[in-house]
């Protein structure tokens, strides 16, 4: 089980990530002006940017935890149920979402700092 606070902390630990509250109470996590994840602190779900292939795999593997995200699911975004997803898996999915959104140079610097280059 993951919490929104763990989700937010993981998102904000990524390089140049920041939070912006949009649409009233929705917390969007961004790199630059591009959103890579979002959720509401009082909600039971969060949404993350993913590829259509990753979205399909996640939903097939655990349909209780994952579903297409409202409004943006057709673009590959996935909705994760906080009470059903492992915090480590959620952190990994956040990193993947950030990688899809961040500028290539920033991703390269991140990989080099982590010894992945």
C-alpha atoms as a PDB file:
ATOM      1  CA  UNK A   1       0.000   0.000   0.000  1.00  0.00           C
ATOM      2  CA  UNK A   2       1.329   3.407  -0.976  1.00  0.00           C
ATOM      3  CA  UNK A   3       0.340   6.804   0.363  1.00  0.00           C
ATOM      4  CA  UNK A   4      -0.071  10.077  -1.470  1.00  0.00           C
ATOM      5  CA  UNK A   5       2.767  11.515   0.616  1.00  0.00           C
ATOM      6  CA  UNK A   6       5.135   8.753  -0.586  1.00  0.00           C
ATOM      7  CA  UNK A   7       3.957   9.368  -4.145  1.00  0.00           C
ATOM      8  CA  UNK A   8       4.580  13.127  -3.841  1.00  0.00           C
ATOM      9  CA  UNK A   9       7.968  12.652  -2.152  1.00  0.00           C
ATOM     10  CA  UNK A  10       9.097  10.244  -4.903  1.00  0.00           C
ATOM     11  CA  UNK A  11       7.932  12.616  -7.635  1.00  0.00           C
ATOM     12  CA  UNK A  12       9.636  15.627  -6.061  1.00  0.00           C
ATOM     13  CA  UNK A  13      12.899  13.729  -5.568  1.00  0.00           C
ATOM     14  CA  UNK A  14      13.410  13.616  -9.337  1.00  0.00           C
ATOM     15  CA  UNK A  15      15.612  16.290 -10.949  1.00  0.00           C
ATOM     16  CA  UNK A  16      13.852  19.611 -11.592  1.00  0.00           C
ATOM     17  CA  UNK A  17      10.473  18.158 -10.621  1.00  0.00           C
ATOM     18  CA  UNK A  18       8.011  20.491  -8.976  1.00  0.00           C
ATOM     19  CA  UNK A  19       4.398  20.489  -7.841  1.00  0.00           C
ATOM     20  CA  UNK A  20       1.688  22.755  -9.176  1.00  0.00           C
ATOM     21  CA  UNK A  21      -1.905  22.681  -7.955  1.00  0.00           C
ATOM     22  CA  UNK A  22      -4.276  22.788 -10.899  1.00  0.00           C
ATOM     23  CA  UNK A  23      -8.018  22.377 -11.474  1.00  0.00           C
ATOM     24  CA  UNK A  24      -8.846  23.343  -7.901  1.00  0.00           C
ATOM     25  CA  UNK A  25      -7.118  20.668  -5.829  1.00  0.00           C
ATOM     26  CA  UNK A  26      -5.282  18.398  -8.272  1.00  0.00           C
ATOM     27  CA  UNK A  27      -1.567  18.207  -7.538  1.00  0.00           C
ATOM     28  CA  UNK A  28       0.337  17.958 -10.796  1.00  0.00           C
ATOM     29  CA  UNK A  29       3.988  16.943 -10.800  1.00  0.00           C
ATOM     30  CA  UNK A  30       5.965  18.504 -13.594  1.00  0.00           C
ATOM     31  CA  UNK A  31       9.352  18.841 -15.135  1.00  0.00           C
ATOM     32  CA  UNK A  32       9.358  22.244 -16.750  1.00  0.00           C
ATOM     33  CA  UNK A  33       5.738  22.835 -17.705  1.00  0.00           C
ATOM     34  CA  UNK A  34       5.066  19.217 -18.705  1.00  0.00           C
ATOM     35  CA  UNK A  35       3.053  16.991 -16.380  1.00  0.00           C
ATOM     36  CA  UNK A  36       4.330  13.482 -15.652  1.00  0.00           C
ATOM     37  CA  UNK A  37       2.055  12.548 -12.723  1.00  0.00           C
ATOM     38  CA  UNK A  38      -0.940  13.843 -10.808  1.00  0.00           C
ATOM     39  CA  UNK A  39      -3.242  13.129  -7.931  1.00  0.00           C
ATOM     40  CA  UNK A  40      -5.228  14.559  -5.060  1.00  0.00           C
ATOM     41  CA  UNK A  41      -4.003  14.181  -1.458  1.00  0.00           C
ATOM     42  CA  UNK A  42      -7.527  13.157  -0.438  1.00  0.00           C
ATOM     43  CA  UNK A  43      -7.978  10.748  -3.341  1.00  0.00           C
ATOM     44  CA  UNK A  44      -7.546   6.988  -3.568  1.00  0.00           C
ATOM     45  CA  UNK A  45      -5.818   7.053  -6.971  1.00  0.00           C
ATOM     46  CA  UNK A  46      -2.964   8.772  -8.766  1.00  0.00           C
ATOM     47  CA  UNK A  47      -2.210   8.988 -12.491  1.00  0.00           C
ATOM     48  CA  UNK A  48       1.129   8.612 -14.251  1.00  0.00           C
ATOM     49  CA  UNK A  49       2.347   9.095 -17.777  1.00  0.00           C
ATOM     50  CA  UNK A  50       3.115   5.761 -19.470  1.00  0.00           C
ATOM     51  CA  UNK A  51       3.359   4.306 -22.932  1.00  0.00           C
ATOM     52  CA  UNK A  52       0.314   2.509 -24.314  1.00  0.00           C
ATOM     53  CA  UNK A  53       2.287  -0.740 -24.149  1.00  0.00           C
ATOM     54  CA  UNK A  54       3.246  -0.247 -20.493  1.00  0.00           C
ATOM     55  CA  UNK A  55      -0.320   0.729 -19.681  1.00  0.00           C
ATOM     56  CA  UNK A  56      -1.641  -2.487 -21.237  1.00  0.00           C
ATOM     57  CA  UNK A  57       0.939  -4.611 -19.391  1.00  0.00           C
ATOM     58  CA  UNK A  58       0.195  -3.020 -16.012  1.00  0.00           C
ATOM     59  CA  UNK A  59      -3.565  -3.423 -16.407  1.00  0.00           C
ATOM     60  CA  UNK A  60      -3.215  -7.025 -17.573  1.00  0.00           C
ATOM     61  CA  UNK A  61      -0.875  -7.886 -14.683  1.00  0.00           C
ATOM     62  CA  UNK A  62      -2.993  -6.285 -11.944  1.00  0.00           C
ATOM     63  CA  UNK A  63      -6.399  -4.912 -13.011  1.00  0.00           C
ATOM     64  CA  UNK A  64      -7.262  -4.235  -9.358  1.00  0.00           C
ATOM     65  CA  UNK A  65      -4.384  -1.812  -9.005  1.00  0.00           C
ATOM     66  CA  UNK A  66      -4.179  -0.288 -12.487  1.00  0.00           C
ATOM     67  CA  UNK A  67      -6.647   1.105 -15.013  1.00  0.00           C
ATOM     68  CA  UNK A  68      -6.592   3.666 -17.833  1.00  0.00           C
ATOM     69  CA  UNK A  69      -6.437   7.172 -16.375  1.00  0.00           C
ATOM     70  CA  UNK A  70      -9.522   9.347 -16.842  1.00  0.00           C
ATOM     71  CA  UNK A  71      -9.325  11.740 -19.787  1.00  0.00           C
ATOM     72  CA  UNK A  72      -5.724  10.870 -20.741  1.00  0.00           C
ATOM     73  CA  UNK A  73      -5.844   7.069 -20.681  1.00  0.00           C
ATOM     74  CA  UNK A  74      -6.110   6.991 -24.459  1.00  0.00           C
ATOM     75  CA  UNK A  75      -2.579   8.436 -24.556  1.00  0.00           C
ATOM     76  CA  UNK A  76      -1.178   5.680 -22.316  1.00  0.00           C
ATOM     77  CA  UNK A  77      -1.574   7.309 -18.913  1.00  0.00           C
ATOM     78  CA  UNK A  78      -2.290   4.809 -16.146  1.00  0.00           C
ATOM     79  CA  UNK A  79      -4.310   5.221 -12.970  1.00  0.00           C
ATOM     80  CA  UNK A  80      -2.938   3.489  -9.865  1.00  0.00           C
ATOM     81  CA  UNK A  81      -4.965   2.634  -6.766  1.00  0.00           C
ATOM     82  CA  UNK A  82      -2.851   3.718  -3.793  1.00  0.00           C
ATOM     83  CA  UNK A  83      -4.225   0.958  -1.551  1.00  0.00           C
ATOM     84  CA  UNK A  84      -3.238  -1.738  -4.058  1.00  0.00           C
ATOM     85  CA  UNK A  85       0.137  -0.678  -5.434  1.00  0.00           C
ATOM     86  CA  UNK A  86       3.526  -1.351  -3.879  1.00  0.00           C
ATOM     87  CA  UNK A  87       5.372   1.879  -2.927  1.00  0.00           C
ATOM     88  CA  UNK A  88       8.587   0.703  -4.630  1.00  0.00           C
ATOM     89  CA  UNK A  89       6.719  -0.112  -7.845  1.00  0.00           C
ATOM     90  CA  UNK A  90       5.014   3.276  -7.708  1.00  0.00           C
ATOM     91  CA  UNK A  91       8.388   5.027  -7.319  1.00  0.00           C
ATOM     92  CA  UNK A  92       9.711   3.099 -10.326  1.00  0.00           C
ATOM     93  CA  UNK A  93       6.656   4.054 -12.393  1.00  0.00           C
ATOM     94  CA  UNK A  94       7.137   7.699 -11.378  1.00  0.00           C
ATOM     95  CA  UNK A  95      10.742   7.588 -12.539  1.00  0.00           C
ATOM     96  CA  UNK A  96       9.635   6.093 -15.860  1.00  0.00           C
ATOM     97  CA  UNK A  97       6.961   8.791 -16.220  1.00  0.00           C
ATOM     98  CA  UNK A  98       9.529  11.494 -15.460  1.00  0.00           C
ATOM     99  CA  UNK A  99      11.922   9.984 -18.035  1.00  0.00           C
ATOM    100  CA  UNK A 100       9.206  10.186 -20.709  1.00  0.00           C
ATOM    101  CA  UNK A 101       8.698  13.869 -19.928  1.00  0.00           C
ATOM    102  CA  UNK A 102      12.077  15.353 -18.995  1.00  0.00           C
ATOM    103  CA  UNK A 103      14.428  16.827 -21.601  1.00  0.00           C
ATOM    104  CA  UNK A 104      16.860  14.251 -23.005  1.00  0.00           C
ATOM    105  CA  UNK A 105      19.892  16.042 -21.612  1.00  0.00           C
ATOM    106  CA  UNK A 106      18.420  15.977 -18.102  1.00  0.00           C
ATOM    107  CA  UNK A 107      17.651  12.241 -18.419  1.00  0.00           C
ATOM    108  CA  UNK A 108      21.222  11.658 -19.595  1.00  0.00           C
ATOM    109  CA  UNK A 109      22.615  13.578 -16.598  1.00  0.00           C
ATOM    110  CA  UNK A 110      20.330  11.592 -14.277  1.00  0.00           C
ATOM    111  CA  UNK A 111      21.525   8.295 -15.764  1.00  0.00           C
ATOM    112  CA  UNK A 112      25.185   9.307 -15.542  1.00  0.00           C
ATOM    113  CA  UNK A 113      24.791  10.324 -11.898  1.00  0.00           C
ATOM    114  CA  UNK A 114      23.174   6.955 -11.161  1.00  0.00           C
ATOM    115  CA  UNK A 115      25.911   5.084 -13.020  1.00  0.00           C
ATOM    116  CA  UNK A 116      23.564   3.874 -15.751  1.00  0.00           C
ATOM    117  CA  UNK A 117      25.255   5.483 -18.732  1.00  0.00           C
END
